[in-house]
């Protein structure tokens, strides 16, 4: 990253969000890709840096703001397919049926439990 300090990164992120707003309202979409471009990198690099302890909380907070914005788009009457794709790819959302398959079903005894 091109930032020497956490404060410098945070200032640049706040400038990004400010550039997307007018009168306290978001007027341009906020996305991970556009944030990355604003920071001078690509989306993958930004996601990689979010795993580094030095930047984790700052980038995670920015990602949470973007995720909230994207989620809100589901309720404004726009086509949901692209929004859902974005949430799944960028924020690890999944369909409820995918989660249910991976969870243990109450009342079902696994063979390993019986053998022990």
N, C-alpha and C. Protein backbone atom coordinates (compact mmCIF):
# COMPACT_ATOMS: atom_id res chain seq x y z
N UNK A 1 0.85 -1.18 0.00
CA UNK A 1 0.00 0.00 0.00
C UNK A 1 0.89 1.23 0.00
N UNK A 2 0.31 2.30 -0.40
CA UNK A 2 1.04 3.55 -0.53
C UNK A 2 0.98 4.39 0.75
N UNK A 3 0.57 3.79 1.85
CA UNK A 3 0.35 4.56 3.07
C UNK A 3 1.37 4.21 4.13
N UNK A 4 1.94 5.24 4.71
CA UNK A 4 2.96 5.02 5.73
C UNK A 4 2.35 4.84 7.11
N UNK A 5 1.16 5.41 7.31
CA UNK A 5 0.53 5.32 8.63
C UNK A 5 -0.92 4.91 8.49
N UNK A 6 -1.46 4.45 9.58
CA UNK A 6 -2.88 4.09 9.64
C UNK A 6 -3.74 5.35 9.45
N UNK A 7 -3.29 6.45 10.03
CA UNK A 7 -4.04 7.70 9.92
C UNK A 7 -4.14 8.16 8.47
N UNK A 8 -3.07 7.99 7.72
CA UNK A 8 -3.07 8.36 6.31
C UNK A 8 -4.07 7.50 5.53
N UNK A 9 -4.08 6.20 5.81
CA UNK A 9 -5.03 5.31 5.15
C UNK A 9 -6.46 5.69 5.52
N UNK A 10 -6.70 5.91 6.80
CA UNK A 10 -8.05 6.26 7.25
C UNK A 10 -8.53 7.57 6.61
N UNK A 11 -7.64 8.54 6.50
CA UNK A 11 -7.99 9.82 5.88
C UNK A 11 -8.37 9.63 4.42
N UNK A 12 -7.63 8.80 3.72
CA UNK A 12 -7.91 8.53 2.31
C UNK A 12 -9.26 7.80 2.15
N UNK A 13 -9.54 6.87 3.05
CA UNK A 13 -10.83 6.15 3.01
C UNK A 13 -11.98 7.11 3.27
N UNK A 14 -11.84 7.98 4.25
CA UNK A 14 -12.90 8.95 4.55
C UNK A 14 -13.10 9.90 3.36
N UNK A 15 -12.01 10.26 2.69
CA UNK A 15 -12.11 11.11 1.50
C UNK A 15 -12.90 10.39 0.40
N UNK A 16 -12.68 9.07 0.27
CA UNK A 16 -13.43 8.28 -0.71
C UNK A 16 -14.93 8.35 -0.42
N UNK A 17 -15.30 8.07 0.83
CA UNK A 17 -16.73 8.09 1.16
C UNK A 17 -17.31 9.49 0.98
N UNK A 18 -16.54 10.51 1.35
CA UNK A 18 -17.00 11.89 1.16
C UNK A 18 -17.21 12.24 -0.30
N UNK A 19 -16.38 11.68 -1.18
CA UNK A 19 -16.51 11.96 -2.61
C UNK A 19 -17.76 11.32 -3.22
N UNK A 20 -18.37 10.42 -2.50
CA UNK A 20 -19.56 9.71 -2.99
C UNK A 20 -20.85 10.32 -2.44
N UNK A 21 -20.72 11.38 -1.63
CA UNK A 21 -21.89 11.93 -0.94
C UNK A 21 -22.14 13.39 -1.30
N UNK A 22 -23.42 13.76 -1.19
CA UNK A 22 -23.86 15.15 -1.28
C UNK A 22 -24.94 15.34 -0.24
N UNK A 23 -24.82 16.37 0.55
CA UNK A 23 -25.81 16.68 1.59
C UNK A 23 -26.09 15.47 2.49
N UNK A 24 -25.06 14.70 2.81
CA UNK A 24 -25.20 13.56 3.71
C UNK A 24 -25.80 12.31 3.09
N UNK A 25 -26.06 12.34 1.81
CA UNK A 25 -26.65 11.19 1.12
C UNK A 25 -25.65 10.64 0.10
N UNK A 26 -25.60 9.33 -0.03
CA UNK A 26 -24.74 8.71 -1.03
C UNK A 26 -25.36 8.93 -2.41
N UNK A 27 -24.60 9.56 -3.29
CA UNK A 27 -25.11 9.83 -4.65
C UNK A 27 -24.38 9.02 -5.72
N UNK A 28 -23.24 8.48 -5.37
CA UNK A 28 -22.50 7.58 -6.26
C UNK A 28 -22.35 6.26 -5.52
N UNK A 29 -22.51 5.13 -6.21
CA UNK A 29 -22.36 3.84 -5.53
C UNK A 29 -21.00 3.69 -4.85
N UNK A 30 -21.02 3.06 -3.69
CA UNK A 30 -19.78 2.73 -3.01
C UNK A 30 -19.53 1.24 -3.19
N UNK A 31 -18.34 0.89 -3.65
CA UNK A 31 -18.00 -0.50 -3.91
C UNK A 31 -16.57 -0.76 -3.45
N UNK A 32 -16.25 -2.03 -3.23
CA UNK A 32 -14.88 -2.38 -2.89
C UNK A 32 -13.93 -2.01 -4.02
N UNK A 33 -14.35 -2.25 -5.25
CA UNK A 33 -13.49 -1.95 -6.39
C UNK A 33 -13.21 -0.47 -6.52
N UNK A 34 -14.23 0.36 -6.35
CA UNK A 34 -14.00 1.80 -6.49
C UNK A 34 -13.18 2.34 -5.31
N UNK A 35 -13.35 1.75 -4.12
CA UNK A 35 -12.50 2.13 -2.99
C UNK A 35 -11.05 1.76 -3.28
N UNK A 36 -10.85 0.56 -3.81
CA UNK A 36 -9.49 0.12 -4.14
C UNK A 36 -8.85 1.05 -5.15
N UNK A 37 -9.57 1.40 -6.19
CA UNK A 37 -9.03 2.32 -7.21
C UNK A 37 -8.67 3.65 -6.56
N UNK A 38 -9.54 4.15 -5.70
CA UNK A 38 -9.28 5.41 -5.00
C UNK A 38 -7.99 5.31 -4.17
N UNK A 39 -7.73 4.13 -3.62
CA UNK A 39 -6.54 3.92 -2.79
C UNK A 39 -5.31 3.60 -3.63
N UNK A 40 -5.50 3.41 -4.93
CA UNK A 40 -4.37 3.13 -5.82
C UNK A 40 -3.98 1.68 -5.90
N UNK A 41 -4.96 0.78 -5.72
CA UNK A 41 -4.69 -0.66 -5.82
C UNK A 41 -5.89 -1.34 -6.46
N UNK A 42 -5.91 -2.67 -6.47
CA UNK A 42 -7.09 -3.38 -6.96
C UNK A 42 -7.81 -4.03 -5.78
N UNK A 43 -8.97 -4.60 -6.07
CA UNK A 43 -9.82 -5.18 -5.02
C UNK A 43 -9.10 -6.29 -4.26
N UNK A 44 -8.40 -7.15 -4.96
CA UNK A 44 -7.70 -8.26 -4.31
C UNK A 44 -6.62 -7.76 -3.36
N UNK A 45 -5.89 -6.75 -3.78
CA UNK A 45 -4.85 -6.18 -2.92
C UNK A 45 -5.49 -5.59 -1.67
N UNK A 46 -6.59 -4.87 -1.84
CA UNK A 46 -7.29 -4.29 -0.70
C UNK A 46 -7.73 -5.39 0.27
N UNK A 47 -8.30 -6.46 -0.27
CA UNK A 47 -8.73 -7.58 0.58
C UNK A 47 -7.54 -8.23 1.29
N UNK A 48 -6.42 -8.34 0.61
CA UNK A 48 -5.21 -8.90 1.23
C UNK A 48 -4.73 -8.03 2.38
N UNK A 49 -4.75 -6.73 2.18
CA UNK A 49 -4.31 -5.82 3.23
C UNK A 49 -5.25 -5.83 4.42
N UNK A 50 -6.51 -6.19 4.20
CA UNK A 50 -7.45 -6.24 5.32
C UNK A 50 -7.10 -7.37 6.28
N UNK A 51 -6.26 -8.29 5.85
CA UNK A 51 -5.84 -9.40 6.71
C UNK A 51 -4.62 -9.04 7.55
N UNK A 52 -3.98 -7.93 7.24
CA UNK A 52 -2.80 -7.50 8.00
C UNK A 52 -3.25 -6.77 9.25
N UNK A 53 -2.69 -7.12 10.37
CA UNK A 53 -3.11 -6.56 11.65
C UNK A 53 -3.06 -5.03 11.65
N UNK A 54 -2.06 -4.46 11.01
CA UNK A 54 -1.88 -3.01 11.00
C UNK A 54 -3.09 -2.30 10.39
N UNK A 55 -3.69 -2.89 9.37
CA UNK A 55 -4.78 -2.24 8.64
C UNK A 55 -6.14 -2.89 8.86
N UNK A 56 -6.17 -4.00 9.56
CA UNK A 56 -7.38 -4.82 9.67
C UNK A 56 -8.61 -4.02 10.06
N UNK A 57 -8.56 -3.31 11.18
CA UNK A 57 -9.75 -2.63 11.67
C UNK A 57 -10.20 -1.49 10.75
N UNK A 58 -9.27 -0.79 10.15
CA UNK A 58 -9.62 0.32 9.27
C UNK A 58 -10.31 -0.19 8.00
N UNK A 59 -9.71 -1.19 7.37
CA UNK A 59 -10.29 -1.72 6.13
C UNK A 59 -11.57 -2.49 6.41
N UNK A 60 -11.62 -3.21 7.51
CA UNK A 60 -12.84 -3.93 7.87
C UNK A 60 -14.00 -2.97 8.10
N UNK A 61 -13.74 -1.84 8.74
CA UNK A 61 -14.79 -0.84 8.95
C UNK A 61 -15.27 -0.27 7.62
N UNK A 62 -14.35 0.00 6.71
CA UNK A 62 -14.73 0.51 5.38
C UNK A 62 -15.55 -0.53 4.63
N UNK A 63 -15.12 -1.79 4.70
CA UNK A 63 -15.87 -2.86 4.04
C UNK A 63 -17.27 -3.00 4.62
N UNK A 64 -17.40 -2.83 5.94
CA UNK A 64 -18.72 -2.92 6.58
C UNK A 64 -19.64 -1.80 6.09
N UNK A 65 -19.09 -0.62 5.91
CA UNK A 65 -19.90 0.49 5.39
C UNK A 65 -20.37 0.19 3.97
N UNK A 66 -19.48 -0.37 3.16
CA UNK A 66 -19.85 -0.72 1.79
C UNK A 66 -20.88 -1.84 1.79
N UNK A 67 -20.68 -2.84 2.64
CA UNK A 67 -21.63 -3.95 2.72
C UNK A 67 -23.02 -3.44 3.11
N UNK A 68 -23.09 -2.54 4.07
CA UNK A 68 -24.38 -1.98 4.49
C UNK A 68 -25.05 -1.25 3.33
N UNK A 69 -24.27 -0.48 2.59
CA UNK A 69 -24.82 0.23 1.42
C UNK A 69 -25.36 -0.77 0.40
N UNK A 70 -24.57 -1.80 0.08
CA UNK A 70 -24.99 -2.78 -0.92
C UNK A 70 -26.25 -3.50 -0.45
N UNK A 71 -26.29 -3.88 0.82
CA UNK A 71 -27.47 -4.56 1.35
C UNK A 71 -28.71 -3.67 1.24
N UNK A 72 -28.58 -2.40 1.53
CA UNK A 72 -29.71 -1.48 1.44
C UNK A 72 -30.26 -1.40 0.02
N UNK A 73 -29.42 -1.65 -0.98
CA UNK A 73 -29.86 -1.60 -2.37
C UNK A 73 -30.91 -2.68 -2.67
N UNK A 74 -30.94 -3.73 -1.86
CA UNK A 74 -31.95 -4.78 -2.05
C UNK A 74 -33.36 -4.26 -1.82
N UNK A 75 -33.48 -3.17 -1.06
CA UNK A 75 -34.80 -2.68 -0.67
C UNK A 75 -35.24 -1.44 -1.43
N UNK A 76 -34.50 -1.05 -2.45
CA UNK A 76 -34.90 0.16 -3.17
C UNK A 76 -35.50 -0.12 -4.54
N UNK A 77 -35.86 -1.37 -4.80
CA UNK A 77 -36.54 -1.71 -6.03
C UNK A 77 -35.64 -2.00 -7.22
N UNK A 78 -34.34 -1.98 -7.03
CA UNK A 78 -33.42 -2.27 -8.13
C UNK A 78 -33.34 -3.78 -8.33
N UNK A 79 -32.84 -4.19 -9.49
CA UNK A 79 -32.67 -5.61 -9.78
C UNK A 79 -31.74 -6.23 -8.74
N UNK A 80 -32.18 -7.30 -8.12
CA UNK A 80 -31.45 -7.88 -7.00
C UNK A 80 -30.33 -8.83 -7.40
N UNK A 81 -30.34 -9.36 -8.60
CA UNK A 81 -29.37 -10.38 -8.98
C UNK A 81 -27.93 -9.91 -8.81
N UNK A 82 -27.60 -8.76 -9.35
CA UNK A 82 -26.23 -8.24 -9.24
C UNK A 82 -25.87 -7.88 -7.81
N UNK A 83 -26.83 -7.39 -7.06
CA UNK A 83 -26.60 -7.03 -5.66
C UNK A 83 -26.30 -8.29 -4.86
N UNK A 84 -27.08 -9.33 -5.07
CA UNK A 84 -26.86 -10.60 -4.36
C UNK A 84 -25.50 -11.18 -4.74
N UNK A 85 -25.16 -11.14 -6.01
CA UNK A 85 -23.85 -11.61 -6.46
C UNK A 85 -22.74 -10.87 -5.73
N UNK A 86 -22.85 -9.56 -5.63
CA UNK A 86 -21.86 -8.74 -4.94
C UNK A 86 -21.75 -9.16 -3.47
N UNK A 87 -22.86 -9.33 -2.81
CA UNK A 87 -22.84 -9.70 -1.39
C UNK A 87 -22.20 -11.08 -1.18
N UNK A 88 -22.49 -12.02 -2.08
CA UNK A 88 -21.91 -13.36 -1.98
C UNK A 88 -20.40 -13.34 -2.23
N UNK A 89 -19.99 -12.63 -3.26
CA UNK A 89 -18.57 -12.64 -3.64
C UNK A 89 -17.70 -11.80 -2.71
N UNK A 90 -18.18 -10.64 -2.33
CA UNK A 90 -17.35 -9.72 -1.58
C UNK A 90 -17.53 -9.78 -0.07
N UNK A 91 -18.67 -10.30 0.39
CA UNK A 91 -18.95 -10.26 1.82
C UNK A 91 -19.34 -11.61 2.41
N UNK A 92 -19.08 -12.67 1.65
CA UNK A 92 -19.30 -14.05 2.10
C UNK A 92 -20.73 -14.36 2.51
N UNK A 93 -21.67 -13.71 1.88
CA UNK A 93 -23.06 -14.07 2.11
C UNK A 93 -23.32 -15.39 1.39
N UNK A 94 -24.33 -16.11 1.86
CA UNK A 94 -24.71 -17.35 1.19
C UNK A 94 -26.21 -17.55 1.34
N UNK A 95 -26.74 -18.42 0.50
CA UNK A 95 -28.16 -18.77 0.60
C UNK A 95 -28.38 -19.57 1.86
N UNK A 96 -29.54 -19.43 2.48
CA UNK A 96 -29.86 -20.16 3.70
C UNK A 96 -29.77 -21.66 3.52
N UNK A 97 -30.11 -22.16 2.33
CA UNK A 97 -30.06 -23.60 2.10
C UNK A 97 -28.63 -24.11 2.11
N UNK A 98 -27.68 -23.28 1.68
CA UNK A 98 -26.28 -23.69 1.71
C UNK A 98 -25.81 -23.84 3.16
N UNK A 99 -26.23 -22.94 4.02
CA UNK A 99 -25.84 -23.00 5.42
C UNK A 99 -26.47 -24.20 6.11
N UNK A 100 -27.74 -24.49 5.81
CA UNK A 100 -28.44 -25.58 6.46
C UNK A 100 -27.80 -26.93 6.16
N UNK A 101 -27.29 -27.11 4.99
CA UNK A 101 -26.66 -28.37 4.61
C UNK A 101 -25.40 -28.61 5.44
N UNK A 102 -24.70 -27.55 5.80
CA UNK A 102 -23.46 -27.68 6.55
C UNK A 102 -23.66 -27.81 8.06
N UNK A 103 -24.83 -27.53 8.55
CA UNK A 103 -25.10 -27.62 9.98
C UNK A 103 -25.58 -29.02 10.34
N UNK A 104 -25.33 -29.44 11.61
CA UNK A 104 -25.87 -30.70 12.08
C UNK A 104 -27.38 -30.57 12.27
N UNK A 105 -28.10 -31.57 11.89
CA UNK A 105 -29.53 -31.56 12.08
C UNK A 105 -29.85 -32.10 13.48
N UNK A 106 -30.60 -31.35 14.30
CA UNK A 106 -30.93 -31.82 15.65
C UNK A 106 -31.64 -33.17 15.59
N UNK A 107 -31.30 -34.06 16.50
CA UNK A 107 -31.94 -35.36 16.56
C UNK A 107 -31.27 -36.42 15.71
N UNK A 108 -30.38 -36.06 14.85
CA UNK A 108 -29.67 -37.01 14.01
C UNK A 108 -28.38 -37.40 14.72
N UNK A 109 -28.17 -38.67 14.90
CA UNK A 109 -26.97 -39.16 15.56
C UNK A 109 -25.99 -39.61 14.49
N UNK A 110 -24.78 -39.13 14.58
CA UNK A 110 -23.76 -39.52 13.62
C UNK A 110 -23.19 -40.88 14.00
N UNK A 111 -22.75 -41.63 13.02
CA UNK A 111 -22.20 -42.97 13.25
C UNK A 111 -21.02 -42.90 14.20
N UNK A 112 -20.17 -41.90 14.06
CA UNK A 112 -19.00 -41.78 14.93
C UNK A 112 -19.39 -41.66 16.40
N UNK A 113 -20.54 -41.00 16.67
CA UNK A 113 -21.00 -40.85 18.06
C UNK A 113 -21.46 -42.19 18.64
N UNK A 114 -22.07 -43.03 17.82
CA UNK A 114 -22.55 -44.33 18.27
C UNK A 114 -21.39 -45.28 18.55
N UNK A 115 -20.36 -45.25 17.73
CA UNK A 115 -19.23 -46.15 17.86
C UNK A 115 -18.44 -45.85 19.13
N UNK A 116 -18.30 -44.57 19.47
CA UNK A 116 -17.53 -44.18 20.65
C UNK A 116 -18.26 -44.63 21.86
